[in-house]
PDB file of N, CA and C in Angstrom:
ATOM      1  N   MET A   1       0.831  -1.177   0.000  1.00  0.00           N
ATOM      2  CA  MET A   1       0.000   0.000   0.000  1.00  0.00           C
ATOM      3  C   MET A   1       0.881   1.247   0.000  1.00  0.00           C
ATOM      4  N   ASN A   2       0.486   2.264  -0.758  1.00  0.00           N
ATOM      5  CA  ASN A   2       1.247   3.494  -0.840  1.00  0.00           C
ATOM      6  C   ASN A   2       1.189   4.237   0.492  1.00  0.00           C
ATOM      7  N   GLU A   3       2.313   4.781   0.899  1.00  0.00           N
ATOM      8  CA  GLU A   3       2.403   5.510   2.156  1.00  0.00           C
ATOM      9  C   GLU A   3       1.626   6.831   2.089  1.00  0.00           C
ATOM     10  N   TYR A   4       1.445   7.347   0.871  1.00  0.00           N
ATOM     11  CA  TYR A   4       0.792   8.642   0.679  1.00  0.00           C
ATOM     12  C   TYR A   4      -0.536   8.477  -0.055  1.00  0.00           C
ATOM     13  N   THR A   5      -1.556   9.122   0.453  1.00  0.00           N
ATOM     14  CA  THR A   5      -2.855   9.108  -0.205  1.00  0.00           C
ATOM     15  C   THR A   5      -2.838  10.029  -1.414  1.00  0.00           C
ATOM     16  N   ALA A   6      -2.060  11.103  -1.338  1.00  0.00           N
ATOM     17  CA  ALA A   6      -1.983  12.080  -2.427  1.00  0.00           C
ATOM     18  C   ALA A   6      -0.580  12.666  -2.480  1.00  0.00           C
ATOM     19  N   THR A   7      -0.213  13.144  -3.660  1.00  0.00           N
ATOM     20  CA  THR A   7       1.060  13.834  -3.855  1.00  0.00           C
ATOM     21  C   THR A   7       0.793  15.151  -4.555  1.00  0.00           C
ATOM     22  N   VAL A   8       1.397  16.215  -4.038  1.00  0.00           N
ATOM     23  CA  VAL A   8       1.310  17.515  -4.695  1.00  0.00           C
ATOM     24  C   VAL A   8       2.723  17.963  -5.021  1.00  0.00           C
ATOM     25  N   ASN A   9       3.011  18.103  -6.298  1.00  0.00           N
ATOM     26  CA  ASN A   9       4.280  18.663  -6.743  1.00  0.00           C
ATOM     27  C   ASN A   9       4.022  20.148  -6.978  1.00  0.00           C
ATOM     28  N   ALA A  10       4.401  20.971  -6.010  1.00  0.00           N
ATOM     29  CA  ALA A  10       4.083  22.401  -6.059  1.00  0.00           C
ATOM     30  C   ALA A  10       4.720  23.100  -7.251  1.00  0.00           C
ATOM     31  N   THR A  11       5.779  22.525  -7.805  1.00  0.00           N
ATOM     32  CA  THR A  11       6.442  23.161  -8.941  1.00  0.00           C
ATOM     33  C   THR A  11       5.581  23.116 -10.203  1.00  0.00           C
ATOM     34  N   GLU A  12       4.543  22.313 -10.199  1.00  0.00           N
ATOM     35  CA  GLU A  12       3.678  22.178 -11.374  1.00  0.00           C
ATOM     36  C   GLU A  12       2.549  23.205 -11.413  1.00  0.00           C
ATOM     37  N   TYR A  13       2.439  24.038 -10.375  1.00  0.00           N
ATOM     38  CA  TYR A  13       1.328  24.986 -10.277  1.00  0.00           C
ATOM     39  C   TYR A  13       1.838  26.418 -10.294  1.00  0.00           C
ATOM     40  N   PRO A  14       1.047  27.325 -10.872  1.00  0.00           N
ATOM     41  CA  PRO A  14       1.433  28.745 -10.807  1.00  0.00           C
ATOM     42  C   PRO A  14       1.359  29.222  -9.364  1.00  0.00           C
ATOM     43  N   PRO A  15       2.156  30.239  -9.020  1.00  0.00           N
ATOM     44  CA  PRO A  15       2.226  30.694  -7.626  1.00  0.00           C
ATOM     45  C   PRO A  15       0.868  30.967  -6.975  1.00  0.00           C
ATOM     46  N   GLN A  16      -0.058  31.534  -7.709  1.00  0.00           N
ATOM     47  CA  GLN A  16      -1.348  31.894  -7.105  1.00  0.00           C
ATOM     48  C   GLN A  16      -2.208  30.678  -6.776  1.00  0.00           C
ATOM     49  N   LEU A  17      -1.866  29.494  -7.278  1.00  0.00           N
ATOM     50  CA  LEU A  17      -2.664  28.287  -7.022  1.00  0.00           C
ATOM     51  C   LEU A  17      -2.008  27.310  -6.052  1.00  0.00           C
ATOM     52  N   LYS A  18      -0.716  27.445  -5.801  1.00  0.00           N
ATOM     53  CA  LYS A  18       0.011  26.444  -5.008  1.00  0.00           C
ATOM     54  C   LYS A  18      -0.630  26.166  -3.655  1.00  0.00           C
ATOM     55  N   HIS A  19      -0.809  27.197  -2.847  1.00  0.00           N
ATOM     56  CA  HIS A  19      -1.339  26.976  -1.501  1.00  0.00           C
ATOM     57  C   HIS A  19      -2.780  26.495  -1.541  1.00  0.00           C
ATOM     58  N   LYS A  20      -3.555  26.990  -2.485  1.00  0.00           N
ATOM     59  CA  LYS A  20      -4.945  26.540  -2.634  1.00  0.00           C
ATOM     60  C   LYS A  20      -4.998  25.035  -2.882  1.00  0.00           C
ATOM     61  N   VAL A  21      -4.184  24.558  -3.807  1.00  0.00           N
ATOM     62  CA  VAL A  21      -4.152  23.124  -4.131  1.00  0.00           C
ATOM     63  C   VAL A  21      -3.657  22.310  -2.942  1.00  0.00           C
ATOM     64  N   ILE A  22      -2.629  22.784  -2.275  1.00  0.00           N
ATOM     65  CA  ILE A  22      -2.063  22.063  -1.136  1.00  0.00           C
ATOM     66  C   ILE A  22      -3.097  21.929  -0.020  1.00  0.00           C
ATOM     67  N   PHE A  23      -3.755  23.032   0.334  1.00  0.00           N
ATOM     68  CA  PHE A  23      -4.740  22.984   1.421  1.00  0.00           C
ATOM     69  C   PHE A  23      -5.975  22.177   1.028  1.00  0.00           C
ATOM     70  N   GLU A  24      -6.417  22.275  -0.208  1.00  0.00           N
ATOM     71  CA  GLU A  24      -7.562  21.466  -0.639  1.00  0.00           C
ATOM     72  C   GLU A  24      -7.221  19.982  -0.587  1.00  0.00           C
ATOM     73  N   THR A  25      -6.017  19.632  -1.000  1.00  0.00           N
ATOM     74  CA  THR A  25      -5.585  18.233  -0.951  1.00  0.00           C
ATOM     75  C   THR A  25      -5.542  17.747   0.495  1.00  0.00           C
ATOM     76  N   PHE A  26      -4.973  18.555   1.378  1.00  0.00           N
ATOM     77  CA  PHE A  26      -4.922  18.188   2.794  1.00  0.00           C
ATOM     78  C   PHE A  26      -6.330  18.030   3.365  1.00  0.00           C
ATOM     79  N   ASP A  27      -7.203  18.972   3.069  1.00  0.00           N
ATOM     80  CA  ASP A  27      -8.562  18.937   3.625  1.00  0.00           C
ATOM     81  C   ASP A  27      -9.347  17.716   3.162  1.00  0.00           C
ATOM     82  N   ASP A  28      -8.992  17.165   1.999  1.00  0.00           N
ATOM     83  CA  ASP A  28      -9.669  15.974   1.485  1.00  0.00           C
ATOM     84  C   ASP A  28      -9.176  14.678   2.134  1.00  0.00           C
ATOM     85  N   LEU A  29      -8.075  14.746   2.876  1.00  0.00           N
ATOM     86  CA  LEU A  29      -7.557  13.550   3.542  1.00  0.00           C
ATOM     87  C   LEU A  29      -8.456  13.146   4.696  1.00  0.00           C
ATOM     88  N   GLU A  30      -8.490  11.858   4.960  1.00  0.00           N
ATOM     89  CA  GLU A  30      -9.139  11.322   6.152  1.00  0.00           C
ATOM     90  C   GLU A  30      -8.106  11.329   7.283  1.00  0.00           C
ATOM     91  N   PRO A  31      -8.545  11.310   8.544  1.00  0.00           N
ATOM     92  CA  PRO A  31      -7.587  11.234   9.648  1.00  0.00           C
ATOM     93  C   PRO A  31      -6.619  10.055   9.465  1.00  0.00           C
ATOM     94  N   GLU A  32      -5.369  10.303   9.772  1.00  0.00           N
ATOM     95  CA  GLU A  32      -4.260   9.349   9.674  1.00  0.00           C
ATOM     96  C   GLU A  32      -3.744   9.158   8.246  1.00  0.00           C
ATOM     97  N   GLN A  33      -4.364   9.774   7.262  1.00  0.00           N
ATOM     98  CA  GLN A  33      -3.842   9.720   5.897  1.00  0.00           C
ATOM     99  C   GLN A  33      -2.785  10.804   5.721  1.00  0.00           C
ATOM    100  N   SER A  34      -1.867  10.551   4.775  1.00  0.00           N
ATOM    101  CA  SER A  34      -0.762  11.475   4.531  1.00  0.00           C
ATOM    102  C   SER A  34      -0.706  11.881   3.071  1.00  0.00           C
ATOM    103  N   MET A  35      -0.172  13.073   2.871  1.00  0.00           N
ATOM    104  CA  MET A  35       0.123  13.545   1.526  1.00  0.00           C
ATOM    105  C   MET A  35       1.609  13.850   1.453  1.00  0.00           C
ATOM    106  N   LEU A  36       2.143  13.808   0.241  1.00  0.00           N
ATOM    107  CA  LEU A  36       3.531  14.164   0.016  1.00  0.00           C
ATOM    108  C   LEU A  36       3.559  15.483  -0.730  1.00  0.00           C
ATOM    109  N   LEU A  37       4.258  16.449  -0.176  1.00  0.00           N
ATOM    110  CA  LEU A  37       4.454  17.736  -0.821  1.00  0.00           C
ATOM    111  C   LEU A  37       5.864  17.769  -1.384  1.00  0.00           C
ATOM    112  N   ILE A  38       5.987  18.091  -2.655  1.00  0.00           N
ATOM    113  CA  ILE A  38       7.284  18.210  -3.318  1.00  0.00           C
ATOM    114  C   ILE A  38       7.456  19.664  -3.726  1.00  0.00           C
ATOM    115  N   ASN A  39       8.623  20.229  -3.389  1.00  0.00           N
ATOM    116  CA  ASN A  39       8.866  21.623  -3.725  1.00  0.00           C
ATOM    117  C   ASN A  39      10.344  21.827  -4.035  1.00  0.00           C
ATOM    118  N   ASP A  40      10.653  22.921  -4.728  1.00  0.00           N
ATOM    119  CA  ASP A  40      12.047  23.207  -5.087  1.00  0.00           C
ATOM    120  C   ASP A  40      12.707  24.192  -4.124  1.00  0.00           C
ATOM    121  N   HIS A  41      12.015  24.529  -3.036  1.00  0.00           N
ATOM    122  CA  HIS A  41      12.580  25.349  -1.964  1.00  0.00           C
ATOM    123  C   HIS A  41      11.910  24.942  -0.657  1.00  0.00           C
ATOM    124  N   ASP A  42      12.519  25.336   0.439  1.00  0.00           N
ATOM    125  CA  ASP A  42      11.986  24.953   1.744  1.00  0.00           C
ATOM    126  C   ASP A  42      10.605  25.587   1.949  1.00  0.00           C
ATOM    127  N   PRO A  43       9.565  24.755   2.154  1.00  0.00           N
ATOM    128  CA  PRO A  43       8.213  25.289   2.315  1.00  0.00           C
ATOM    129  C   PRO A  43       7.894  25.698   3.753  1.00  0.00           C
ATOM    130  N   LYS A  44       8.893  26.113   4.518  1.00  0.00           N
ATOM    131  CA  LYS A  44       8.691  26.473   5.925  1.00  0.00           C
ATOM    132  C   LYS A  44       7.588  27.513   6.126  1.00  0.00           C
ATOM    133  N   PRO A  45       7.460  28.550   5.268  1.00  0.00           N
ATOM    134  CA  PRO A  45       6.333  29.482   5.455  1.00  0.00           C
ATOM    135  C   PRO A  45       4.969  28.781   5.382  1.00  0.00           C
ATOM    136  N   LEU A  46       4.884  27.740   4.576  1.00  0.00           N
ATOM    137  CA  LEU A  46       3.646  26.969   4.481  1.00  0.00           C
ATOM    138  C   LEU A  46       3.367  26.252   5.805  1.00  0.00           C
ATOM    139  N   TYR A  47       4.420  25.777   6.452  1.00  0.00           N
ATOM    140  CA  TYR A  47       4.259  25.150   7.774  1.00  0.00           C
ATOM    141  C   TYR A  47       3.584  26.124   8.747  1.00  0.00           C
ATOM    142  N   TYR A  48       4.029  27.375   8.732  1.00  0.00           N
ATOM    143  CA  TYR A  48       3.451  28.371   9.627  1.00  0.00           C
ATOM    144  C   TYR A  48       1.999  28.665   9.261  1.00  0.00           C
ATOM    145  N   GLN A  49       1.696  28.628   7.967  1.00  0.00           N
ATOM    146  CA  GLN A  49       0.309  28.825   7.539  1.00  0.00           C
ATOM    147  C   GLN A  49      -0.554  27.645   7.990  1.00  0.00           C
ATOM    148  N   PHE A  50      -0.030  26.431   7.879  1.00  0.00           N
ATOM    149  CA  PHE A  50      -0.746  25.259   8.391  1.00  0.00           C
ATOM    150  C   PHE A  50      -1.000  25.415   9.891  1.00  0.00           C
ATOM    151  N   SER A  51       0.020  25.829  10.626  1.00  0.00           N
ATOM    152  CA  SER A  51      -0.126  25.998  12.080  1.00  0.00           C
ATOM    153  C   SER A  51      -1.211  27.014  12.412  1.00  0.00           C
ATOM    154  N   ALA A  52      -1.249  28.092  11.655  1.00  0.00           N
ATOM    155  CA  ALA A  52      -2.218  29.150  11.923  1.00  0.00           C
ATOM    156  C   ALA A  52      -3.644  28.747  11.549  1.00  0.00           C
ATOM    157  N   THR A  53      -3.788  27.955  10.491  1.00  0.00           N
ATOM    158  CA  THR A  53      -5.134  27.650   9.992  1.00  0.00           C
ATOM    159  C   THR A  53      -5.635  26.256  10.340  1.00  0.00           C
ATOM    160  N   ARG A  54      -4.725  25.334  10.650  1.00  0.00           N
ATOM    161  CA  ARG A  54      -5.133  23.958  10.928  1.00  0.00           C
ATOM    162  C   ARG A  54      -4.754  23.508  12.338  1.00  0.00           C
ATOM    163  N   GLY A  55      -4.080  24.346  13.082  1.00  0.00           N
ATOM    164  CA  GLY A  55      -3.739  24.056  14.472  1.00  0.00           C
ATOM    165  C   GLY A  55      -3.068  22.712  14.664  1.00  0.00           C
ATOM    166  N   GLU A  56      -3.662  21.894  15.504  1.00  0.00           N
ATOM    167  CA  GLU A  56      -3.111  20.574  15.838  1.00  0.00           C
ATOM    168  C   GLU A  56      -3.615  19.473  14.916  1.00  0.00           C
ATOM    169  N   GLN A  57      -4.169  19.829  13.785  1.00  0.00           N
ATOM    170  CA  GLN A  57      -4.774  18.843  12.881  1.00  0.00           C
ATOM    171  C   GLN A  57      -3.772  18.170  11.950  1.00  0.00           C
ATOM    172  N   PHE A  58      -2.488  18.518  12.039  1.00  0.00           N
ATOM    173  CA  PHE A  58      -1.538  17.974  11.085  1.00  0.00           C
ATOM    174  C   PHE A  58      -0.211  17.644  11.750  1.00  0.00           C
ATOM    175  N   ASN A  59       0.545  16.771  11.081  1.00  0.00           N
ATOM    176  CA  ASN A  59       1.921  16.476  11.459  1.00  0.00           C
ATOM    177  C   ASN A  59       2.786  16.750  10.236  1.00  0.00           C
ATOM    178  N   TRP A  60       3.891  17.425  10.418  1.00  0.00           N
ATOM    179  CA  TRP A  60       4.786  17.865   9.338  1.00  0.00           C
ATOM    180  C   TRP A  60       6.119  17.142   9.508  1.00  0.00           C
ATOM    181  N   GLU A  61       6.529  16.374   8.511  1.00  0.00           N
ATOM    182  CA  GLU A  61       7.773  15.605   8.613  1.00  0.00           C
ATOM    183  C   GLU A  61       8.555  15.731   7.312  1.00  0.00           C
ATOM    184  N   TYR A  62       9.761  16.287   7.407  1.00  0.00           N
ATOM    185  CA  TYR A  62      10.605  16.373   6.222  1.00  0.00           C
ATOM    186  C   TYR A  62      11.077  14.976   5.840  1.00  0.00           C
ATOM    187  N   VAL A  63      10.938  14.648   4.575  1.00  0.00           N
ATOM    188  CA  VAL A  63      11.453  13.397   4.028  1.00  0.00           C
ATOM    189  C   VAL A  63      12.787  13.678   3.336  1.00  0.00           C
ATOM    190  N   GLU A  64      12.884  14.852   2.725  1.00  0.00           N
ATOM    191  CA  GLU A  64      14.109  15.313   2.063  1.00  0.00           C
ATOM    192  C   GLU A  64      14.204  16.824   2.266  1.00  0.00           C
ATOM    193  N   GLN A  65      15.386  17.304   2.652  1.00  0.00           N
ATOM    194  CA  GLN A  65      15.570  18.727   2.922  1.00  0.00           C
ATOM    195  C   GLN A  65      16.661  19.315   2.042  1.00  0.00           C
ATOM    196  N   GLY A  66      16.382  19.386   0.736  1.00  0.00           N
ATOM    197  CA  GLY A  66      17.265  20.060  -0.209  1.00  0.00           C
ATOM    198  C   GLY A  66      18.616  19.395  -0.364  1.00  0.00           C
ATOM    199  N   PRO A  67      19.493  20.080  -1.064  1.00  0.00           N
ATOM    200  CA  PRO A  67      19.326  21.467  -1.461  1.00  0.00           C
ATOM    201  C   PRO A  67      18.448  21.668  -2.701  1.00  0.00           C
ATOM    202  N   GLU A  68      18.327  20.640  -3.529  1.00  0.00           N
ATOM    203  CA  GLU A  68      17.559  20.821  -4.766  1.00  0.00           C
ATOM    204  C   GLU A  68      16.060  20.599  -4.572  1.00  0.00           C
ATOM    205  N   TRP A  69      15.696  19.574  -3.824  1.00  0.00           N
ATOM    206  CA  TRP A  69      14.287  19.228  -3.626  1.00  0.00           C
ATOM    207  C   TRP A  69      13.964  19.120  -2.147  1.00  0.00           C
ATOM    208  N   PHE A  70      12.758  19.529  -1.846  1.00  0.00           N
ATOM    209  CA  PHE A  70      12.218  19.384  -0.498  1.00  0.00           C
ATOM    210  C   PHE A  70      10.970  18.528  -0.597  1.00  0.00           C
ATOM    211  N   ARG A  71      10.935  17.476   0.201  1.00  0.00           N
ATOM    212  CA  ARG A  71       9.768  16.605   0.249  1.00  0.00           C
ATOM    213  C   ARG A  71       9.288  16.566   1.701  1.00  0.00           C
ATOM    214  N   VAL A  72       7.979  16.796   1.869  1.00  0.00           N
ATOM    215  CA  VAL A  72       7.411  16.853   3.202  1.00  0.00           C
ATOM    216  C   VAL A  72       6.199  15.922   3.260  1.00  0.00           C
ATOM    217  N   LYS A  73       6.193  15.078   4.270  1.00  0.00           N
ATOM    218  CA  LYS A  73       5.046  14.224   4.546  1.00  0.00           C
ATOM    219  C   LYS A  73       4.138  14.994   5.508  1.00  0.00           C
ATOM    220  N   ILE A  74       2.909  15.260   5.075  1.00  0.00           N
ATOM    221  CA  ILE A  74       1.943  15.986   5.906  1.00  0.00           C
ATOM    222  C   ILE A  74       0.802  15.010   6.222  1.00  0.00           C
ATOM    223  N   THR A  75       0.623  14.727   7.487  1.00  0.00           N
ATOM    224  CA  THR A  75      -0.375  13.748   7.919  1.00  0.00           C
ATOM    225  C   THR A  75      -1.506  14.468   8.635  1.00  0.00           C
ATOM    226  N   LYS A  76      -2.716  14.086   8.306  1.00  0.00           N
ATOM    227  CA  LYS A  76      -3.886  14.644   8.992  1.00  0.00           C
ATOM    228  C   LYS A  76      -4.091  13.876  10.289  1.00  0.00           C
ATOM    229  N   GLN A  77      -4.271  14.586  11.379  1.00  0.00           N
ATOM    230  CA  GLN A  77      -4.456  13.978  12.694  1.00  0.00           C
ATOM    231  C   GLN A  77      -5.913  13.609  12.915  1.00  0.00           C
TER     232      GLN A  77
END
């Protein structure tokens, strides 16, 4: 079974859609399901946005931390 229910490669979306797609994908997850976020820079500002808007509803785990690619496992609590 795949470890991730969904994958979002943020590099495939224009800047104005990236966060919208990421949050919609996360919101569609069931509790305990995970998504993989792929980005070409550290998405740390997104982590702070998740904290502000989703509180304790998520777990953020770096799978790869650059320098070229950043992969983050985001799990819905």
